[in-house]
Amino acid sequence: MPHALLIVLPSKEQTVLIVVSDTTAITNLAAINELHLLRALYGQIVIPEAVRNELVGPGTANPGALAVQTEAWIVTRAVTDVSMVEQLLVTHEALAQAEVEAIVLAHELQADVLIIDEAAGRDVAATLGLTFTGVLGGLLDAKEQHIVPAVMPLIDALIANGFWISPALRTAILQLASEA
């Protein structure tokens, strides 16, 4: 039975999921050489232009930048509801342009899943009725689907690369993964 944090994915006979990602999943998984997990889980991910610009813009050296430029399974799409982006930026000052565009694009595409880790972004996504997960939920999904044998080494690698996770959440995730 899937865990509460997990996204139930369709069988191979069903249609492809529409998955929109914010920057953090790409940079964090690329930093630990596990970006391929997004492809294994979802097949294709869609990112808004602001996420692409955040990753590959002038003067940036982000993990995942090369993949965003070269991998066909990472697709860039422009948001069409610019007024919604502007409104969310004004009403939710804690959110960056890339986060807001990811939320709006997920809303526009009626995405099956939005990958976003920031609490403020998740709050906005929830008010819009979007289904979301984050890096840790993706790791749990990957273990549940036998894509990875364990999440603990991946979580520890994320932490070593600057991904913040509270000790209590780390323990909870490891318990969900039957690794604690």
N, C-alpha and C. Protein backbone atom coordinates (compact mmCIF):
# COMPACT_ATOMS: atom_id res chain seq x y z
N MET A 1 0.85 -1.18 0.00
CA MET A 1 0.00 0.00 0.00
C MET A 1 0.89 1.24 0.00
N PRO A 2 0.64 2.21 -0.86
CA PRO A 2 1.48 3.41 -0.94
C PRO A 2 1.40 4.24 0.33
N HIS A 3 2.50 4.90 0.64
CA HIS A 3 2.57 5.79 1.79
C HIS A 3 1.86 7.10 1.46
N ALA A 4 1.50 7.85 2.50
CA ALA A 4 0.79 9.12 2.31
C ALA A 4 1.62 10.11 1.49
N LEU A 5 2.94 10.04 1.57
CA LEU A 5 3.79 10.98 0.84
C LEU A 5 4.00 10.56 -0.61
N LEU A 6 3.58 9.37 -0.94
CA LEU A 6 3.86 8.86 -2.27
C LEU A 6 2.77 9.24 -3.25
N ILE A 7 3.16 9.37 -4.48
CA ILE A 7 2.24 9.62 -5.57
C ILE A 7 2.00 8.27 -6.26
N VAL A 8 0.77 7.88 -6.39
CA VAL A 8 0.46 6.63 -7.07
C VAL A 8 0.57 6.88 -8.57
N LEU A 9 1.48 6.17 -9.19
CA LEU A 9 1.73 6.35 -10.61
C LEU A 9 0.90 5.38 -11.43
N PRO A 10 0.52 5.79 -12.64
CA PRO A 10 -0.28 4.90 -13.47
C PRO A 10 0.54 3.72 -13.96
N SER A 11 -0.15 2.66 -14.32
CA SER A 11 0.55 1.53 -14.91
C SER A 11 1.02 1.94 -16.31
N LYS A 12 1.88 1.13 -16.88
CA LYS A 12 2.43 1.46 -18.19
C LYS A 12 1.35 1.55 -19.27
N GLU A 13 0.21 0.90 -19.05
CA GLU A 13 -0.86 0.94 -20.04
C GLU A 13 -1.62 2.27 -20.00
N GLN A 14 -1.51 2.99 -18.90
CA GLN A 14 -2.25 4.24 -18.78
C GLN A 14 -1.48 5.38 -19.43
N THR A 15 -2.14 6.54 -19.48
CA THR A 15 -1.52 7.68 -20.13
C THR A 15 -0.33 8.20 -19.32
N VAL A 16 0.50 8.96 -19.98
CA VAL A 16 1.69 9.53 -19.36
C VAL A 16 1.27 10.64 -18.40
N LEU A 17 1.96 10.71 -17.29
CA LEU A 17 1.71 11.76 -16.32
C LEU A 17 2.23 13.09 -16.83
N ILE A 18 1.56 14.16 -16.44
CA ILE A 18 2.10 15.50 -16.65
C ILE A 18 2.72 15.92 -15.33
N VAL A 19 4.02 16.09 -15.33
CA VAL A 19 4.76 16.41 -14.12
C VAL A 19 5.53 17.69 -14.35
N VAL A 20 5.29 18.68 -13.49
CA VAL A 20 6.00 19.96 -13.56
C VAL A 20 6.96 20.02 -12.38
N SER A 21 8.17 20.50 -12.61
CA SER A 21 9.16 20.58 -11.55
C SER A 21 9.66 21.99 -11.34
N ASP A 22 9.90 22.30 -10.08
CA ASP A 22 10.61 23.50 -9.69
C ASP A 22 12.12 23.19 -9.78
N THR A 23 12.92 24.16 -9.49
CA THR A 23 14.37 24.04 -9.63
C THR A 23 15.00 23.05 -8.65
N THR A 24 14.53 23.03 -7.41
CA THR A 24 15.24 22.31 -6.35
C THR A 24 15.37 20.81 -6.60
N ALA A 25 14.35 20.19 -7.14
CA ALA A 25 14.46 18.75 -7.40
C ALA A 25 15.57 18.47 -8.40
N ILE A 26 15.65 19.30 -9.41
CA ILE A 26 16.67 19.11 -10.45
C ILE A 26 18.07 19.34 -9.88
N THR A 27 18.27 20.46 -9.20
CA THR A 27 19.61 20.76 -8.69
C THR A 27 20.05 19.78 -7.62
N ASN A 28 19.15 19.43 -6.72
CA ASN A 28 19.53 18.53 -5.63
C ASN A 28 19.81 17.12 -6.11
N LEU A 29 18.97 16.60 -6.99
CA LEU A 29 19.23 15.25 -7.50
C LEU A 29 20.45 15.23 -8.42
N ALA A 30 20.64 16.27 -9.21
CA ALA A 30 21.83 16.33 -10.06
C ALA A 30 23.11 16.42 -9.22
N ALA A 31 23.04 17.12 -8.10
CA ALA A 31 24.21 17.27 -7.23
C ALA A 31 24.70 15.94 -6.69
N ILE A 32 23.80 14.97 -6.57
CA ILE A 32 24.20 13.64 -6.07
C ILE A 32 24.17 12.59 -7.19
N ASN A 33 24.19 13.07 -8.43
CA ASN A 33 24.21 12.19 -9.61
C ASN A 33 23.01 11.23 -9.67
N GLU A 34 21.85 11.73 -9.26
CA GLU A 34 20.64 10.91 -9.27
C GLU A 34 19.50 11.56 -10.06
N LEU A 35 19.82 12.50 -10.94
CA LEU A 35 18.78 13.17 -11.71
C LEU A 35 17.96 12.18 -12.54
N HIS A 36 18.58 11.09 -12.93
CA HIS A 36 17.90 10.06 -13.71
C HIS A 36 16.67 9.50 -13.00
N LEU A 37 16.59 9.67 -11.68
CA LEU A 37 15.42 9.18 -10.95
C LEU A 37 14.14 9.86 -11.41
N LEU A 38 14.23 11.15 -11.74
CA LEU A 38 13.04 11.85 -12.24
C LEU A 38 12.54 11.22 -13.53
N ARG A 39 13.47 10.87 -14.40
CA ARG A 39 13.08 10.22 -15.66
C ARG A 39 12.51 8.83 -15.39
N ALA A 40 13.15 8.09 -14.49
CA ALA A 40 12.68 6.75 -14.18
C ALA A 40 11.28 6.78 -13.56
N LEU A 41 11.02 7.78 -12.74
CA LEU A 41 9.72 7.89 -12.07
C LEU A 41 8.62 8.41 -12.98
N TYR A 42 8.94 9.44 -13.76
CA TYR A 42 7.89 10.18 -14.46
C TYR A 42 7.99 10.15 -15.98
N GLY A 43 9.09 9.67 -16.52
CA GLY A 43 9.27 9.64 -17.97
C GLY A 43 9.71 10.98 -18.51
N GLN A 44 8.92 11.99 -18.28
CA GLN A 44 9.22 13.35 -18.76
C GLN A 44 8.81 14.33 -17.67
N ILE A 45 9.57 15.39 -17.55
CA ILE A 45 9.16 16.48 -16.67
C ILE A 45 9.11 17.77 -17.48
N VAL A 46 8.24 18.65 -17.06
CA VAL A 46 8.08 19.94 -17.71
C VAL A 46 8.54 20.99 -16.72
N ILE A 47 9.34 21.95 -17.21
CA ILE A 47 9.77 23.06 -16.37
C ILE A 47 9.37 24.37 -17.03
N PRO A 48 9.05 25.37 -16.23
CA PRO A 48 8.76 26.68 -16.81
C PRO A 48 10.06 27.38 -17.20
N GLU A 49 9.93 28.41 -18.02
CA GLU A 49 11.11 29.14 -18.48
C GLU A 49 11.94 29.70 -17.33
N ALA A 50 11.28 30.16 -16.26
CA ALA A 50 12.03 30.73 -15.14
C ALA A 50 12.91 29.68 -14.46
N VAL A 51 12.46 28.45 -14.40
CA VAL A 51 13.29 27.38 -13.83
C VAL A 51 14.49 27.14 -14.75
N ARG A 52 14.25 27.07 -16.04
CA ARG A 52 15.35 26.88 -16.99
C ARG A 52 16.36 28.02 -16.86
N ASN A 53 15.86 29.26 -16.80
CA ASN A 53 16.74 30.42 -16.69
C ASN A 53 17.53 30.39 -15.38
N GLU A 54 16.89 29.95 -14.31
CA GLU A 54 17.57 29.85 -13.02
C GLU A 54 18.71 28.84 -13.09
N LEU A 55 18.51 27.79 -13.86
CA LEU A 55 19.52 26.74 -13.98
C LEU A 55 20.63 27.07 -14.96
N VAL A 56 20.29 27.66 -16.10
CA VAL A 56 21.28 27.83 -17.16
C VAL A 56 21.57 29.28 -17.51
N GLY A 57 21.03 30.21 -16.75
CA GLY A 57 21.24 31.62 -17.04
C GLY A 57 22.70 32.03 -16.94
N PRO A 58 23.03 33.20 -17.49
CA PRO A 58 24.41 33.70 -17.44
C PRO A 58 24.92 33.77 -16.00
N GLY A 59 26.14 33.31 -15.81
CA GLY A 59 26.77 33.39 -14.50
C GLY A 59 26.32 32.31 -13.53
N THR A 60 25.57 31.33 -14.00
CA THR A 60 25.14 30.25 -13.11
C THR A 60 25.96 29.00 -13.39
N ALA A 61 26.16 28.23 -12.36
CA ALA A 61 26.85 26.95 -12.49
C ALA A 61 26.12 25.93 -11.62
N ASN A 62 24.88 25.67 -11.98
CA ASN A 62 24.04 24.79 -11.17
C ASN A 62 24.11 23.34 -11.62
N PRO A 63 24.08 22.42 -10.65
CA PRO A 63 23.94 21.02 -11.03
C PRO A 63 22.64 20.85 -11.81
N GLY A 64 22.68 20.10 -12.85
CA GLY A 64 21.49 19.87 -13.67
C GLY A 64 21.39 20.79 -14.87
N ALA A 65 22.24 21.81 -14.94
CA ALA A 65 22.15 22.77 -16.05
C ALA A 65 22.37 22.09 -17.40
N LEU A 66 23.37 21.24 -17.48
CA LEU A 66 23.65 20.56 -18.75
C LEU A 66 22.48 19.66 -19.15
N ALA A 67 21.92 18.95 -18.20
CA ALA A 67 20.78 18.07 -18.50
C ALA A 67 19.60 18.86 -19.02
N VAL A 68 19.34 20.01 -18.43
CA VAL A 68 18.22 20.84 -18.87
C VAL A 68 18.43 21.30 -20.31
N GLN A 69 19.67 21.51 -20.70
CA GLN A 69 19.98 21.96 -22.06
C GLN A 69 20.00 20.82 -23.07
N THR A 70 20.27 19.59 -22.62
CA THR A 70 20.51 18.52 -23.58
C THR A 70 19.54 17.34 -23.53
N GLU A 71 18.90 17.12 -22.41
CA GLU A 71 18.04 15.94 -22.25
C GLU A 71 16.64 16.20 -22.80
N ALA A 72 16.19 15.36 -23.71
CA ALA A 72 14.87 15.54 -24.33
C ALA A 72 13.72 15.29 -23.35
N TRP A 73 13.96 14.58 -22.27
CA TRP A 73 12.89 14.28 -21.31
C TRP A 73 12.61 15.44 -20.35
N ILE A 74 13.43 16.49 -20.42
CA ILE A 74 13.18 17.71 -19.65
C ILE A 74 12.72 18.77 -20.65
N VAL A 75 11.45 19.11 -20.59
CA VAL A 75 10.82 19.99 -21.58
C VAL A 75 10.51 21.34 -20.94
N THR A 76 10.90 22.41 -21.61
CA THR A 76 10.61 23.76 -21.13
C THR A 76 9.34 24.28 -21.79
N ARG A 77 8.45 24.84 -20.97
CA ARG A 77 7.21 25.43 -21.47
C ARG A 77 7.04 26.81 -20.84
N ALA A 78 6.48 27.72 -21.59
CA ALA A 78 6.20 29.06 -21.06
C ALA A 78 4.83 29.06 -20.39
N VAL A 79 4.72 29.80 -19.29
CA VAL A 79 3.40 29.99 -18.69
C VAL A 79 2.63 30.97 -19.57
N THR A 80 1.33 30.81 -19.63
CA THR A 80 0.52 31.73 -20.43
C THR A 80 -0.20 32.77 -19.57
N ASP A 81 -0.49 32.42 -18.33
CA ASP A 81 -1.22 33.33 -17.45
C ASP A 81 -0.24 34.20 -16.66
N VAL A 82 0.32 35.18 -17.36
CA VAL A 82 1.32 36.07 -16.76
C VAL A 82 0.71 36.87 -15.61
N SER A 83 -0.56 37.22 -15.71
CA SER A 83 -1.20 37.98 -14.63
C SER A 83 -1.28 37.15 -13.35
N MET A 84 -1.49 35.85 -13.46
CA MET A 84 -1.50 35.00 -12.27
C MET A 84 -0.12 34.94 -11.64
N VAL A 85 0.92 34.87 -12.47
CA VAL A 85 2.29 34.88 -11.97
C VAL A 85 2.54 36.18 -11.20
N GLU A 86 2.18 37.30 -11.81
CA GLU A 86 2.40 38.60 -11.16
C GLU A 86 1.63 38.71 -9.86
N GLN A 87 0.39 38.25 -9.85
CA GLN A 87 -0.43 38.30 -8.64
C GLN A 87 0.18 37.46 -7.52
N LEU A 88 0.63 36.26 -7.83
CA LEU A 88 1.23 35.40 -6.81
C LEU A 88 2.54 35.97 -6.29
N LEU A 89 3.31 36.60 -7.16
CA LEU A 89 4.56 37.23 -6.71
C LEU A 89 4.28 38.36 -5.73
N VAL A 90 3.20 39.09 -5.95
CA VAL A 90 2.84 40.20 -5.05
C VAL A 90 2.27 39.67 -3.74
N THR A 91 1.38 38.69 -3.82
CA THR A 91 0.70 38.20 -2.61
C THR A 91 1.51 37.18 -1.82
N HIS A 92 2.54 36.62 -2.41
CA HIS A 92 3.38 35.63 -1.73
C HIS A 92 4.85 36.01 -1.93
N GLU A 93 5.27 37.03 -1.21
CA GLU A 93 6.61 37.60 -1.39
C GLU A 93 7.73 36.61 -1.11
N ALA A 94 7.46 35.56 -0.35
CA ALA A 94 8.50 34.58 -0.04
C ALA A 94 8.84 33.71 -1.24
N LEU A 95 7.99 33.72 -2.25
CA LEU A 95 8.21 32.86 -3.42
C LEU A 95 9.03 33.56 -4.49
N ALA A 96 9.92 32.81 -5.11
CA ALA A 96 10.73 33.32 -6.22
C ALA A 96 9.97 33.13 -7.53
N GLN A 97 10.42 33.80 -8.56
CA GLN A 97 9.81 33.72 -9.89
C GLN A 97 9.70 32.27 -10.37
N ALA A 98 10.77 31.50 -10.21
CA ALA A 98 10.76 30.11 -10.70
C ALA A 98 9.72 29.27 -9.98
N GLU A 99 9.61 29.44 -8.68
CA GLU A 99 8.60 28.68 -7.92
C GLU A 99 7.20 29.04 -8.37
N VAL A 100 6.95 30.34 -8.51
CA VAL A 100 5.62 30.79 -8.93
C VAL A 100 5.30 30.27 -10.33
N GLU A 101 6.24 30.36 -11.24
CA GLU A 101 5.98 29.87 -12.60
C GLU A 101 5.73 28.36 -12.61
N ALA A 102 6.44 27.62 -11.77
CA ALA A 102 6.19 26.17 -11.69
C ALA A 102 4.77 25.89 -11.21
N ILE A 103 4.34 26.64 -10.21
CA ILE A 103 2.98 26.47 -9.68
C ILE A 103 1.95 26.83 -10.75
N VAL A 104 2.13 27.97 -11.40
CA VAL A 104 1.17 28.42 -12.41
C VAL A 104 1.16 27.46 -13.60
N LEU A 105 2.33 27.01 -14.04
CA LEU A 105 2.38 26.06 -15.17
C LEU A 105 1.68 24.75 -14.80
N ALA A 106 1.90 24.27 -13.59
CA ALA A 106 1.21 23.05 -13.15
C ALA A 106 -0.30 23.25 -13.17
N HIS A 107 -0.73 24.43 -12.75
CA HIS A 107 -2.16 24.75 -12.75
C HIS A 107 -2.69 24.81 -14.18
N GLU A 108 -1.96 25.48 -15.07
CA GLU A 108 -2.38 25.61 -16.47
C GLU A 108 -2.46 24.27 -17.18
N LEU A 109 -1.48 23.42 -16.94
CA LEU A 109 -1.42 22.13 -17.63
C LEU A 109 -2.27 21.07 -16.94
N GLN A 110 -2.87 21.44 -15.82
CA GLN A 110 -3.60 20.48 -14.99
C GLN A 110 -2.70 19.28 -14.72
N ALA A 111 -1.49 19.59 -14.25
CA ALA A 111 -0.47 18.58 -14.02
C ALA A 111 -0.94 17.55 -13.00
N ASP A 112 -0.49 16.33 -13.22
CA ASP A 112 -0.77 15.27 -12.26
C ASP A 112 0.04 15.46 -10.99
N VAL A 113 1.25 16.00 -11.14
CA VAL A 113 2.14 16.20 -10.01
C VAL A 113 2.97 17.46 -10.22
N LEU A 114 3.13 18.23 -9.16
CA LEU A 114 4.08 19.34 -9.11
C LEU A 114 5.17 18.94 -8.13
N ILE A 115 6.42 19.02 -8.57
CA ILE A 115 7.53 18.70 -7.68
C ILE A 115 8.05 20.02 -7.12
N ILE A 116 7.85 20.22 -5.83
CA ILE A 116 8.24 21.46 -5.17
C ILE A 116 8.53 21.15 -3.71
N ASP A 117 9.60 21.70 -3.19
CA ASP A 117 10.00 21.41 -1.81
C ASP A 117 9.70 22.55 -0.83
N GLU A 118 9.66 23.77 -1.30
CA GLU A 118 9.50 24.90 -0.41
C GLU A 118 8.09 24.92 0.20
N ALA A 119 8.03 25.12 1.51
CA ALA A 119 6.75 25.10 2.23
C ALA A 119 5.79 26.16 1.71
N ALA A 120 6.28 27.36 1.45
CA ALA A 120 5.40 28.44 0.97
C ALA A 120 4.82 28.08 -0.39
N GLY A 121 5.61 27.47 -1.25
CA GLY A 121 5.13 27.05 -2.55
C GLY A 121 4.11 25.93 -2.45
N ARG A 122 4.34 25.01 -1.53
CA ARG A 122 3.39 23.92 -1.32
C ARG A 122 2.05 24.45 -0.81
N ASP A 123 2.11 25.47 0.04
CA ASP A 123 0.87 26.08 0.55
C ASP A 123 0.05 26.66 -0.59
N VAL A 124 0.71 27.38 -1.50
CA VAL A 124 0.01 27.96 -2.64
C VAL A 124 -0.52 26.85 -3.54
N ALA A 125 0.30 25.84 -3.79
CA ALA A 125 -0.14 24.71 -4.63
C ALA A 125 -1.38 24.04 -4.04
N ALA A 126 -1.39 23.89 -2.73
CA ALA A 126 -2.54 23.26 -2.06
C ALA A 126 -3.80 24.10 -2.24
N THR A 127 -3.66 25.42 -2.14
CA THR A 127 -4.85 26.28 -2.31
C THR A 127 -5.40 26.20 -3.73
N LEU A 128 -4.54 25.86 -4.68
CA LEU A 128 -4.98 25.72 -6.08
C LEU A 128 -5.44 24.30 -6.40
N GLY A 129 -5.39 23.43 -5.40
CA GLY A 129 -5.83 22.05 -5.60
C GLY A 129 -4.84 21.18 -6.34
N LEU A 130 -3.56 21.58 -6.35
CA LEU A 130 -2.54 20.81 -7.06
C LEU A 130 -2.02 19.67 -6.19
N THR A 131 -1.73 18.55 -6.82
CA THR A 131 -1.06 17.44 -6.15
C THR A 131 0.43 17.70 -6.25
N PHE A 132 1.13 17.59 -5.14
CA PHE A 132 2.56 17.87 -5.16
C PHE A 132 3.33 16.84 -4.36
N THR A 133 4.60 16.78 -4.68
CA THR A 133 5.55 15.98 -3.94
C THR A 133 6.85 16.76 -3.93
N GLY A 134 7.86 16.21 -3.30
CA GLY A 134 9.17 16.86 -3.26
C GLY A 134 10.25 15.82 -3.51
N VAL A 135 11.47 16.23 -3.29
CA VAL A 135 12.60 15.33 -3.49
C VAL A 135 12.45 14.08 -2.63
N LEU A 136 12.11 14.27 -1.36
CA LEU A 136 12.01 13.12 -0.45
C LEU A 136 10.86 12.19 -0.83
N GLY A 137 9.74 12.75 -1.22
CA GLY A 137 8.63 11.93 -1.69
C GLY A 137 9.01 11.16 -2.94
N GLY A 138 9.79 11.79 -3.81
CA GLY A 138 10.28 11.11 -5.00
C GLY A 138 11.19 9.94 -4.66
N LEU A 139 12.04 10.14 -3.64
CA LEU A 139 12.91 9.04 -3.21
C LEU A 139 12.09 7.87 -2.67
N LEU A 140 11.05 8.20 -1.89
CA LEU A 140 10.17 7.13 -1.39
C LEU A 140 9.47 6.41 -2.54
N ASP A 141 9.01 7.17 -3.53
CA ASP A 141 8.40 6.56 -4.72
C ASP A 141 9.40 5.63 -5.41
N ALA A 142 10.64 6.10 -5.54
CA ALA A 142 11.67 5.31 -6.22
C ALA A 142 11.93 4.00 -5.49
N LYS A 143 11.92 4.04 -4.17
CA LYS A 143 12.11 2.80 -3.42
C LYS A 143 10.89 1.90 -3.57
N GLU A 144 9.70 2.47 -3.44
CA GLU A 144 8.46 1.71 -3.56
C GLU A 144 8.38 0.98 -4.91
N GLN A 145 8.91 1.62 -5.95
CA GLN A 145 8.89 1.04 -7.30
C GLN A 145 10.15 0.23 -7.61
N HIS A 146 10.99 0.01 -6.62
CA HIS A 146 12.21 -0.79 -6.75
C HIS A 146 13.19 -0.19 -7.75
N ILE A 147 13.18 1.13 -7.86
CA ILE A 147 14.15 1.83 -8.71
C ILE A 147 15.45 2.00 -7.94
N VAL A 148 15.34 2.22 -6.63
CA VAL A 148 16.51 2.29 -5.75
C VAL A 148 16.29 1.30 -4.61
N PRO A 149 17.38 0.72 -4.10
CA PRO A 149 17.22 -0.25 -3.02
C PRO A 149 16.99 0.39 -1.65
N ALA A 150 17.48 1.62 -1.48
CA ALA A 150 17.39 2.28 -0.18
C ALA A 150 17.41 3.79 -0.37
N VAL A 151 16.73 4.50 0.54
CA VAL A 151 16.72 5.96 0.47
C VAL A 151 17.74 6.59 1.42
N MET A 152 18.16 5.88 2.47
CA MET A 152 19.07 6.48 3.44
C MET A 152 20.35 7.02 2.81
N PRO A 153 21.04 6.26 1.97
CA PRO A 153 22.27 6.82 1.39
C PRO A 153 22.00 8.04 0.51
N LEU A 154 20.86 8.06 -0.15
CA LEU A 154 20.51 9.21 -0.99
C LEU A 154 20.19 10.43 -0.14
N ILE A 155 19.45 10.23 0.93
CA ILE A 155 19.15 11.34 1.85
C ILE A 155 20.44 11.88 2.45
N ASP A 156 21.32 10.99 2.88
CA ASP A 156 22.59 11.43 3.46
C ASP A 156 23.44 12.18 2.43
N ALA A 157 23.42 11.74 1.18
CA ALA A 157 24.15 12.45 0.12
C ALA A 157 23.54 13.83 -0.11
N LEU A 158 22.21 13.92 -0.11
CA LEU A 158 21.55 15.23 -0.26
C LEU A 158 21.97 16.17 0.86
N ILE A 159 21.94 15.67 2.09
CA ILE A 159 22.33 16.49 3.25
C ILE A 159 23.78 16.94 3.11
N ALA A 160 24.65 16.04 2.68
CA ALA A 160 26.07 16.38 2.50
C ALA A 160 26.26 17.46 1.44
N ASN A 161 25.28 17.58 0.53
CA ASN A 161 25.35 18.58 -0.53
C ASN A 161 24.52 19.82 -0.24
N GLY A 162 24.09 19.98 1.03
CA GLY A 162 23.42 21.20 1.43
C GLY A 162 21.90 21.16 1.46
N PHE A 163 21.29 20.02 1.19
CA PHE A 163 19.83 19.89 1.27
C PHE A 163 19.46 19.83 2.74
N TRP A 164 18.59 20.74 3.18
CA TRP A 164 18.24 20.76 4.59
C TRP A 164 17.02 19.89 4.85
N ILE A 165 17.14 19.07 5.87
CA ILE A 165 16.03 18.23 6.32
C ILE A 165 16.16 18.12 7.84
N SER A 166 15.07 18.32 8.53
CA SER A 166 15.12 18.24 9.99
C SER A 166 15.38 16.79 10.40
N PRO A 167 16.03 16.60 11.54
CA PRO A 167 16.25 15.23 12.01
C PRO A 167 14.94 14.44 12.15
N ALA A 168 13.88 15.12 12.60
CA ALA A 168 12.59 14.44 12.78
C ALA A 168 12.03 13.98 11.43
N LEU A 169 12.15 14.83 10.40
CA LEU A 169 11.65 14.44 9.08
C LEU A 169 12.50 13.33 8.49
N ARG A 170 13.81 13.40 8.69
CA ARG A 170 14.69 12.34 8.21
C ARG A 170 14.27 11.01 8.82
N THR A 171 14.04 11.01 10.12
CA THR A 171 13.61 9.79 10.82
C THR A 171 12.27 9.30 10.28
N ALA A 172 11.33 10.22 10.07
CA ALA A 172 10.01 9.84 9.56
C ALA A 172 10.11 9.23 8.16
N ILE A 173 10.94 9.83 7.30
CA ILE A 173 11.11 9.31 5.94
C ILE A 173 11.74 7.92 5.99
N LEU A 174 12.74 7.75 6.83
CA LEU A 174 13.39 6.44 6.94
C LEU A 174 12.42 5.40 7.49
N GLN A 175 11.54 5.80 8.40
CA GLN A 175 10.52 4.87 8.90
C GLN A 175 9.56 4.47 7.79
N LEU A 176 9.12 5.46 7.00
CA LEU A 176 8.23 5.15 5.87
C LEU A 176 8.90 4.20 4.88
N ALA A 177 10.21 4.34 4.75
CA ALA A 177 10.96 3.49 3.82
C ALA A 177 11.38 2.16 4.47
N SER A 178 10.96 1.94 5.72
CA SER A 178 11.34 0.74 6.48
C SER A 178 12.85 0.62 6.61
N GLU A 179 13.49 1.77 6.84
CA GLU A 179 14.95 1.78 6.99
C GLU A 179 15.37 2.31 8.35
N ALA A 180 14.43 2.49 9.26
CA ALA A 180 14.79 3.01 10.60
C ALA A 180 14.52 1.96 11.65
